[in-house]
Protein backbone atom coordinates (compact mmCIF):
# COMPACT_ATOMS: atom_id res chain seq x y z
CA MET A 1 17.58 131.45 -119.89
CA ASN A 2 14.34 131.29 -121.87
CA GLY A 3 11.86 128.44 -122.30
CA THR A 4 13.53 127.08 -125.43
CA GLU A 5 16.89 126.85 -123.70
CA LEU A 6 15.41 124.96 -120.74
CA LEU A 7 13.56 122.65 -123.16
CA PHE A 8 16.80 121.81 -124.98
CA SER A 9 18.66 121.37 -121.69
CA VAL A 10 16.15 118.84 -120.33
CA ALA A 11 16.18 116.86 -123.58
CA SER A 12 20.00 116.92 -123.80
CA MET A 13 20.33 115.72 -120.21
CA ILE A 14 18.25 112.61 -120.94
CA LEU A 15 19.52 111.79 -124.44
CA GLY A 16 22.88 110.54 -123.25
CA LEU A 17 24.47 107.13 -123.03
CA GLY A 18 21.24 105.30 -122.18
CA VAL A 19 19.83 105.53 -125.69
CA LEU A 20 22.66 103.32 -127.02
CA THR A 21 21.63 100.39 -124.80
CA LEU A 22 17.91 101.07 -124.23
CA PRO A 23 16.54 98.59 -126.82
CA ARG A 24 18.66 95.75 -125.39
CA GLY A 25 17.50 96.38 -121.82
CA ILE A 26 13.83 96.55 -122.79
CA ALA A 27 14.07 93.52 -125.09
CA LYS A 28 15.50 91.46 -122.22
CA ALA A 29 12.77 92.57 -119.82
CA VAL A 30 9.90 92.31 -122.33
CA PRO A 31 10.77 89.53 -124.82
CA SER A 32 8.46 90.76 -127.58
CA SER A 33 7.67 93.94 -129.46
CA ASP A 34 5.42 94.98 -126.54
CA GLY A 35 8.39 96.84 -125.08
CA TRP A 36 7.24 100.02 -126.80
CA ILE A 37 4.20 100.03 -124.50
CA ALA A 38 6.49 99.93 -121.45
CA ILE A 39 8.56 102.80 -122.87
CA LEU A 40 5.46 104.87 -123.56
CA ILE A 41 4.00 104.28 -120.08
CA ALA A 42 7.34 105.12 -118.44
CA GLY A 43 7.61 108.19 -120.65
CA LEU A 44 4.18 109.45 -119.60
CA LEU A 45 5.07 108.85 -115.95
CA SER A 46 8.32 110.77 -116.47
CA MET A 47 6.41 113.68 -118.02
CA MET A 48 4.10 113.74 -114.98
CA LEU A 49 7.10 113.70 -112.63
CA THR A 50 8.73 116.48 -114.65
CA TRP A 51 5.53 118.49 -114.19
CA VAL A 52 5.71 117.90 -110.41
CA LEU A 53 9.34 119.02 -110.20
CA ALA A 54 8.67 122.07 -112.36
CA LYS A 55 5.70 122.99 -110.15
CA LEU A 56 8.02 122.88 -107.14
CA THR A 57 10.53 125.23 -108.77
CA ILE A 58 7.96 127.87 -109.74
CA ARG A 59 6.94 128.17 -106.09
CA PHE A 60 10.42 129.62 -105.60
CA PRO A 61 11.17 131.74 -108.71
CA LYS A 62 14.84 132.16 -109.65
CA GLN A 63 15.97 129.98 -106.75
CA PRO A 64 17.82 126.67 -107.25
CA PHE A 65 17.19 123.59 -105.13
CA THR A 66 20.10 124.54 -102.87
CA GLU A 67 18.29 127.73 -101.85
CA PHE A 68 14.65 126.70 -101.52
CA ALA A 69 15.13 123.26 -99.89
CA PRO A 70 16.31 124.78 -96.55
CA ARG A 71 13.22 127.00 -96.53
CA ILE A 72 10.98 123.94 -96.71
CA VAL A 73 12.64 121.50 -94.30
CA GLY A 74 15.29 123.55 -92.50
CA ARG A 75 19.04 123.78 -93.05
CA PRO A 76 20.17 120.60 -91.19
CA LEU A 77 17.86 118.24 -93.11
CA ALA A 78 18.50 120.13 -96.35
CA VAL A 79 22.24 119.43 -96.00
CA VAL A 80 21.46 115.69 -95.89
CA LEU A 81 19.39 116.09 -99.06
CA PHE A 82 22.27 117.97 -100.72
CA VAL A 83 24.57 115.02 -100.01
CA PHE A 84 22.09 112.61 -101.62
CA PHE A 85 21.83 114.83 -104.69
CA PHE A 86 25.59 115.21 -104.92
CA ILE A 87 26.13 111.45 -104.82
CA ALA A 88 23.42 110.90 -107.45
CA PHE A 89 24.81 113.42 -109.93
CA ALA A 90 28.43 112.44 -109.29
CA MET A 91 27.58 108.81 -110.10
CA PHE A 92 25.62 110.01 -113.14
CA SER A 93 28.60 112.01 -114.43
CA SER A 94 31.11 109.20 -113.83
CA TYR A 95 28.85 106.69 -115.57
CA GLU A 96 28.49 108.91 -118.64
CA VAL A 97 32.25 109.44 -118.89
CA ARG A 98 33.11 105.74 -118.49
CA GLY A 99 30.33 104.66 -120.86
CA ALA A 100 31.38 107.15 -123.53
CA ALA A 101 34.96 105.88 -123.27
CA GLU A 102 33.88 102.24 -123.61
CA VAL A 103 31.81 102.86 -126.73
CA ALA A 104 34.49 105.11 -128.24
CA LYS A 105 37.05 102.35 -127.78
CA GLU A 106 34.69 99.81 -129.35
CA TYR A 107 33.95 101.82 -132.50
CA LEU A 108 36.55 104.60 -132.85
CA PHE A 109 39.81 104.16 -130.92
CA THR A 110 40.31 100.40 -130.74
CA ARG A 111 43.99 100.57 -129.72
CA THR A 112 43.73 103.36 -127.15
CA PRO A 113 43.29 102.38 -123.47
CA VAL A 114 39.81 103.13 -122.22
CA GLU A 115 41.28 105.04 -119.26
CA VAL A 116 43.04 107.46 -121.60
CA ILE A 117 39.93 108.01 -123.71
CA GLY A 118 37.87 108.68 -120.59
CA LEU A 119 40.45 111.08 -119.16
CA ILE A 120 40.67 113.17 -122.33
CA PHE A 121 36.88 113.26 -122.63
CA PHE A 122 36.49 114.21 -118.95
CA LEU A 123 39.05 117.02 -119.20
CA VAL A 124 36.92 118.63 -121.90
CA VAL A 125 33.83 118.13 -119.71
CA ILE A 126 35.63 119.84 -116.79
CA TYR A 127 36.58 122.76 -119.03
CA ALA A 128 32.93 123.23 -120.02
CA ALA A 129 31.54 122.83 -116.50
CA SER A 130 34.06 125.20 -114.91
CA GLY A 131 33.00 128.07 -117.15
CA PRO A 132 29.78 130.14 -117.14
CA ARG A 133 26.58 128.12 -117.01
CA VAL A 134 25.23 129.99 -120.00
CA GLY A 135 27.97 128.30 -122.04
CA ILE A 136 26.58 124.83 -121.30
CA VAL A 137 23.08 126.01 -122.15
CA ARG A 138 24.27 127.42 -125.48
CA LEU A 139 26.02 124.12 -126.28
CA ASN A 140 22.68 122.36 -125.78
CA LEU A 141 21.11 124.72 -128.31
CA LEU A 142 23.98 124.12 -130.73
CA PHE A 143 24.39 120.34 -130.47
CA LEU A 144 20.90 118.93 -129.93
CA PRO A 145 19.49 119.76 -133.42
CA PHE A 146 22.43 117.91 -135.06
CA VAL A 147 21.93 114.94 -132.76
CA ILE A 148 18.20 114.69 -133.50
CA VAL A 149 18.74 115.02 -137.26
CA VAL A 150 21.33 112.22 -137.29
CA PHE A 151 19.13 110.10 -135.02
CA VAL A 152 16.15 110.47 -137.37
CA LEU A 153 18.43 109.82 -140.34
CA VAL A 154 19.50 106.48 -138.85
CA LEU A 155 15.87 105.45 -138.34
CA VAL A 156 14.78 106.52 -141.84
CA MET A 157 17.72 104.88 -143.61
CA ASN A 158 16.90 101.56 -141.90
CA ALA A 159 13.39 101.58 -143.39
CA GLY A 160 14.51 99.15 -146.10
CA PHE A 161 15.58 96.58 -143.49
CA PHE A 162 12.40 96.92 -141.42
CA GLU A 163 10.14 93.85 -141.36
CA PHE A 164 6.67 94.08 -139.81
CA GLU A 165 6.74 90.33 -139.18
CA GLN A 166 9.42 90.92 -136.56
CA LEU A 167 6.87 92.83 -134.46
CA LYS A 168 4.59 89.81 -134.14
CA PRO A 169 3.11 88.49 -131.93
CA VAL A 170 1.73 91.56 -130.15
CA GLY A 171 0.17 91.77 -126.69
CA ILE A 172 1.63 88.54 -125.30
CA SER A 173 3.63 90.00 -122.38
CA ASP A 174 2.31 89.54 -118.85
CA TRP A 175 2.16 92.35 -116.28
CA ARG A 176 5.29 91.18 -114.46
CA ARG A 177 7.36 91.45 -117.63
CA MET A 178 5.72 94.75 -118.49
CA GLY A 179 6.51 96.07 -115.01
CA GLU A 180 10.19 95.21 -115.48
CA GLY A 181 10.16 97.01 -118.82
CA ILE A 182 8.55 100.09 -117.30
CA GLU A 183 11.17 100.16 -114.54
CA LYS A 184 14.08 99.95 -117.01
CA SER A 185 12.46 102.54 -119.26
CA LEU A 186 11.87 104.90 -116.35
CA PHE A 187 15.54 104.71 -115.41
CA SER A 188 16.47 105.58 -119.01
CA PHE A 189 14.47 108.81 -118.69
CA LEU A 190 16.27 109.97 -115.55
CA GLY A 191 17.94 113.34 -115.86
CA PHE A 192 14.90 115.60 -115.98
CA GLU A 193 15.54 116.45 -112.32
CA CYS A 194 18.08 118.98 -113.63
CA VAL A 195 15.07 121.31 -113.82
CA LEU A 196 15.40 121.74 -110.04
CA PHE A 197 18.59 123.70 -110.69
CA TYR A 198 18.43 125.19 -114.16
CA ALA A 199 14.91 126.58 -113.69
CA ALA A 200 16.52 129.16 -111.40
CA LEU A 201 18.08 130.73 -114.51
CA MET A 202 14.72 131.26 -116.22
CA ASN A 203 13.90 134.86 -117.14
CA ARG A 204 10.18 134.02 -117.04
CA PRO A 205 9.66 131.35 -114.35
CA LYS A 206 6.04 130.80 -115.39
CA ASP A 207 7.30 129.17 -118.62
CA THR A 208 9.21 126.51 -116.68
CA VAL A 209 6.48 123.86 -116.55
CA LYS A 210 5.65 123.99 -120.26
CA ALA A 211 9.30 124.01 -121.36
CA ALA A 212 10.30 121.16 -119.04
CA VAL A 213 7.41 118.89 -120.04
CA ILE A 214 7.93 119.49 -123.77
CA GLY A 215 11.66 118.86 -123.33
CA MET A 216 10.80 115.56 -121.63
CA SER A 217 8.48 114.58 -124.48
CA ILE A 218 11.34 114.62 -127.04
CA PRO A 219 13.17 111.58 -125.58
CA VAL A 220 9.84 109.80 -125.05
CA ILE A 221 9.00 110.02 -128.74
CA LEU A 222 12.53 109.19 -129.94
CA TYR A 223 12.93 106.22 -127.58
CA THR A 224 9.57 104.72 -128.54
CA VAL A 225 10.27 104.97 -132.28
CA LEU A 226 13.84 103.72 -131.78
CA PHE A 227 12.66 100.55 -130.04
CA ILE A 228 10.06 99.75 -132.68
CA VAL A 229 12.58 100.23 -135.52
CA THR A 230 15.26 98.19 -133.73
CA ILE A 231 12.88 95.26 -133.19
CA GLY A 232 11.64 95.53 -136.77
CA VAL A 233 15.20 95.33 -138.09
CA PHE A 234 16.84 92.81 -135.75
CA SER A 235 13.92 91.05 -133.94
CA ALA A 236 13.39 91.01 -130.17
CA LYS A 237 15.66 88.00 -129.55
CA ALA A 238 18.58 89.43 -131.52
CA THR A 239 18.20 92.88 -129.96
CA ALA A 240 18.45 91.39 -126.47
CA GLU A 241 21.89 90.00 -127.36
CA LEU A 242 23.38 93.16 -128.90
CA GLN A 243 25.58 95.27 -126.62
CA TYR A 244 24.76 98.57 -128.37
CA PRO A 245 21.70 98.03 -130.61
CA THR A 246 21.43 101.69 -131.61
CA VAL A 247 25.01 101.72 -132.92
CA GLU A 248 24.34 98.42 -134.71
CA LEU A 249 21.44 100.13 -136.50
CA ALA A 250 23.90 102.71 -137.78
CA LYS A 251 26.21 99.88 -138.98
CA GLU A 252 23.42 98.61 -141.23
CA ILE A 253 23.48 101.83 -143.25
CA GLU A 254 25.43 102.03 -146.50
CA VAL A 255 25.81 105.56 -147.82
CA PRO A 256 25.64 105.75 -151.66
CA GLY A 257 29.00 106.56 -153.22
CA ALA A 258 30.82 105.49 -150.03
CA ILE A 259 30.91 109.13 -148.87
CA ILE A 260 30.95 107.82 -145.32
CA GLU A 261 32.58 104.39 -145.16
CA ARG A 262 31.59 103.56 -141.55
CA PHE A 263 28.36 105.34 -140.75
CA GLU A 264 28.35 103.99 -137.17
CA SER A 265 31.55 105.92 -136.45
CA PHE A 266 29.97 109.09 -137.81
CA PHE A 267 26.81 108.42 -135.79
CA PHE A 268 28.66 107.88 -132.53
CA THR A 269 30.87 110.92 -133.09
CA ILE A 270 27.73 113.04 -133.36
CA TRP A 271 26.15 111.24 -130.41
CA LEU A 272 29.19 112.10 -128.29
CA MET A 273 27.88 115.66 -128.38
CA THR A 274 24.82 114.85 -126.29
CA ILE A 275 26.80 112.55 -123.96
CA PHE A 276 29.19 115.47 -123.50
CA ASN A 277 26.31 117.83 -122.70
CA SER A 278 24.82 115.37 -120.23
CA ALA A 279 28.16 114.81 -118.48
CA ALA A 280 28.85 118.56 -118.37
CA MET A 281 25.47 119.35 -116.80
CA THR A 282 25.77 116.62 -114.17
CA LEU A 283 29.25 117.85 -113.22
CA ASP A 284 27.96 121.43 -113.19
CA ILE A 285 25.21 120.45 -110.75
CA CYS A 286 27.79 118.70 -108.55
CA ILE A 287 29.79 121.94 -108.53
CA TRP A 288 26.59 123.86 -107.79
CA ILE A 289 25.85 121.70 -104.73
CA ALA A 290 29.46 121.65 -103.49
CA GLY A 291 29.55 125.43 -103.86
CA THR A 292 26.98 125.76 -101.06
CA PHE A 293 29.60 124.32 -98.67
CA PHE A 294 32.64 126.08 -100.15
CA ARG A 295 31.31 129.55 -100.91
CA ARG A 296 34.72 131.23 -101.00
CA SER A 297 36.13 128.84 -103.60
CA SER A 298 35.83 129.63 -107.29
CA LYS A 299 33.84 127.39 -109.59
CA ARG A 300 37.00 126.23 -111.36
CA THR A 301 38.68 125.31 -108.05
CA VAL A 302 35.69 123.24 -106.98
CA ALA A 303 35.53 121.56 -110.41
CA PHE A 304 39.18 120.43 -110.31
CA ALA A 305 38.86 119.33 -106.68
CA LEU A 306 35.89 117.08 -107.49
CA ALA A 307 37.22 115.78 -110.82
CA PRO A 308 39.62 113.05 -109.56
CA PHE A 309 36.96 111.44 -107.35
CA ILE A 310 34.31 111.44 -110.08
CA TYR A 311 36.74 110.11 -112.69
CA LEU A 312 38.00 107.30 -110.44
CA ALA A 313 34.43 106.37 -109.45
CA GLY A 314 33.67 105.70 -113.10
CA TYR A 315 36.49 103.16 -113.28
CA LEU A 316 35.55 101.18 -110.19
CA PRO A 317 33.59 98.73 -112.42
CA LYS A 318 36.10 96.29 -113.90
CA ASP A 319 34.10 95.30 -117.00
CA LEU A 320 30.89 96.04 -118.89
CA THR A 321 28.85 93.73 -116.64
CA GLN A 322 29.93 95.62 -113.54
CA LEU A 323 29.44 98.93 -115.37
CA SER A 324 25.85 97.92 -116.10
CA ALA A 325 25.35 97.08 -112.41
CA TYR A 326 26.89 100.45 -111.50
CA GLY A 327 24.41 102.15 -113.82
CA GLN A 328 21.55 100.27 -112.17
CA LEU A 329 22.76 101.37 -108.73
CA PHE A 330 23.02 105.03 -109.64
CA SER A 331 19.56 104.85 -111.24
CA TYR A 332 18.06 103.82 -107.89
CA VAL A 333 20.01 106.55 -106.08
CA ASP A 334 19.00 109.13 -108.68
CA PHE A 335 15.35 108.05 -108.54
CA PHE A 336 15.30 108.45 -104.76
CA ALA A 337 17.21 111.75 -104.66
CA GLY A 338 15.91 113.40 -107.79
CA ILE A 339 12.27 112.29 -107.85
CA LEU A 340 10.96 110.99 -104.53
CA ILE A 341 12.57 113.69 -102.38
CA PRO A 342 11.43 116.68 -104.52
CA SER A 343 7.91 115.22 -104.74
CA LEU A 344 7.77 115.03 -100.94
CA LEU A 345 9.16 118.57 -100.72
CA LEU A 346 6.32 119.84 -102.92
CA VAL A 347 3.76 118.20 -100.63
CA ILE A 348 5.44 119.65 -97.52
CA ALA A 349 5.68 123.10 -99.12
CA LYS A 350 1.97 123.04 -99.93
CA LEU A 351 0.99 121.81 -96.45
CA ARG A 352 3.16 124.41 -94.73
CA GLY A 353 2.28 127.14 -97.23
CA VAL A 354 5.95 127.77 -97.96
CA SER A 355 6.83 129.72 -101.08
CA GLY A 356 9.16 132.50 -102.01
CA SER A 357 10.07 135.12 -104.56
CA ALA A 358 13.46 136.20 -105.81
């Protein structure tokens, strides 16, 4: 893996389901156009945290988290950390699969049961994750440019509906509201902790920090612009009431000549690519962690053994309200496992002078 491939992988991991609901969550927390400030602050914090995690990985070149964590805190405590990471990424994967199925039913397959849509989608995810890891990385390189082009196209084609008056008044949000917006934005940027695993595949480990931080900057820029455009088109109050504001932006577009009759369906079909990549990487990391306990089992065997539990976990929420609460829960778990723990590990590694080479 080179720097470009890691950059695309980090960006693909973050640009998943969250972007479809991000404007609504921020508009509810910060009831004005000031939400872009919260997104930008959270984005800068995420870039700093990405830098911290990347710094940890380059202390142990070509070693994934499952190999260098025991060297820092010992095998018994490392096993506990592995369990936390496994739970976090399993919840992440199940949330992506269920969320993709819900949106697909809403805009594409209105008569198909959401369980069937999720199962078919997850089977393809399992197929990708049970193969060589280089395959997932190559899919990131293949899909992400299309996703970004379509994303930018949606923003540009809504320029005619954009009203600057919708952005007023500016600077009226208090710090409590802004803090809530920063928290929600920070959770939307979760996923960059994948660098703890995929950095081990880097041919030149010294490029890890630069690639990871640049990869993190792509969602920061896209999310900030997306929020501003969404508020400018719908207003803050209307955005807070829309279930999927980003998809609604795509519905506003009318392609000349009716080449594409329902642009939102085209948009979501393309966006499924990055949700697929995100789900595949989270499942791959689950397999990676489980593989440390079942070393004699093949990757495919582990994948199919884990699949039923991850799929069923995604359907524990009975409706969209519970699914949103489930997403909030996994965000807290992911923040603890993927950010706080590695940051502490870096401090411990520096204090103890622990490092390693492949």
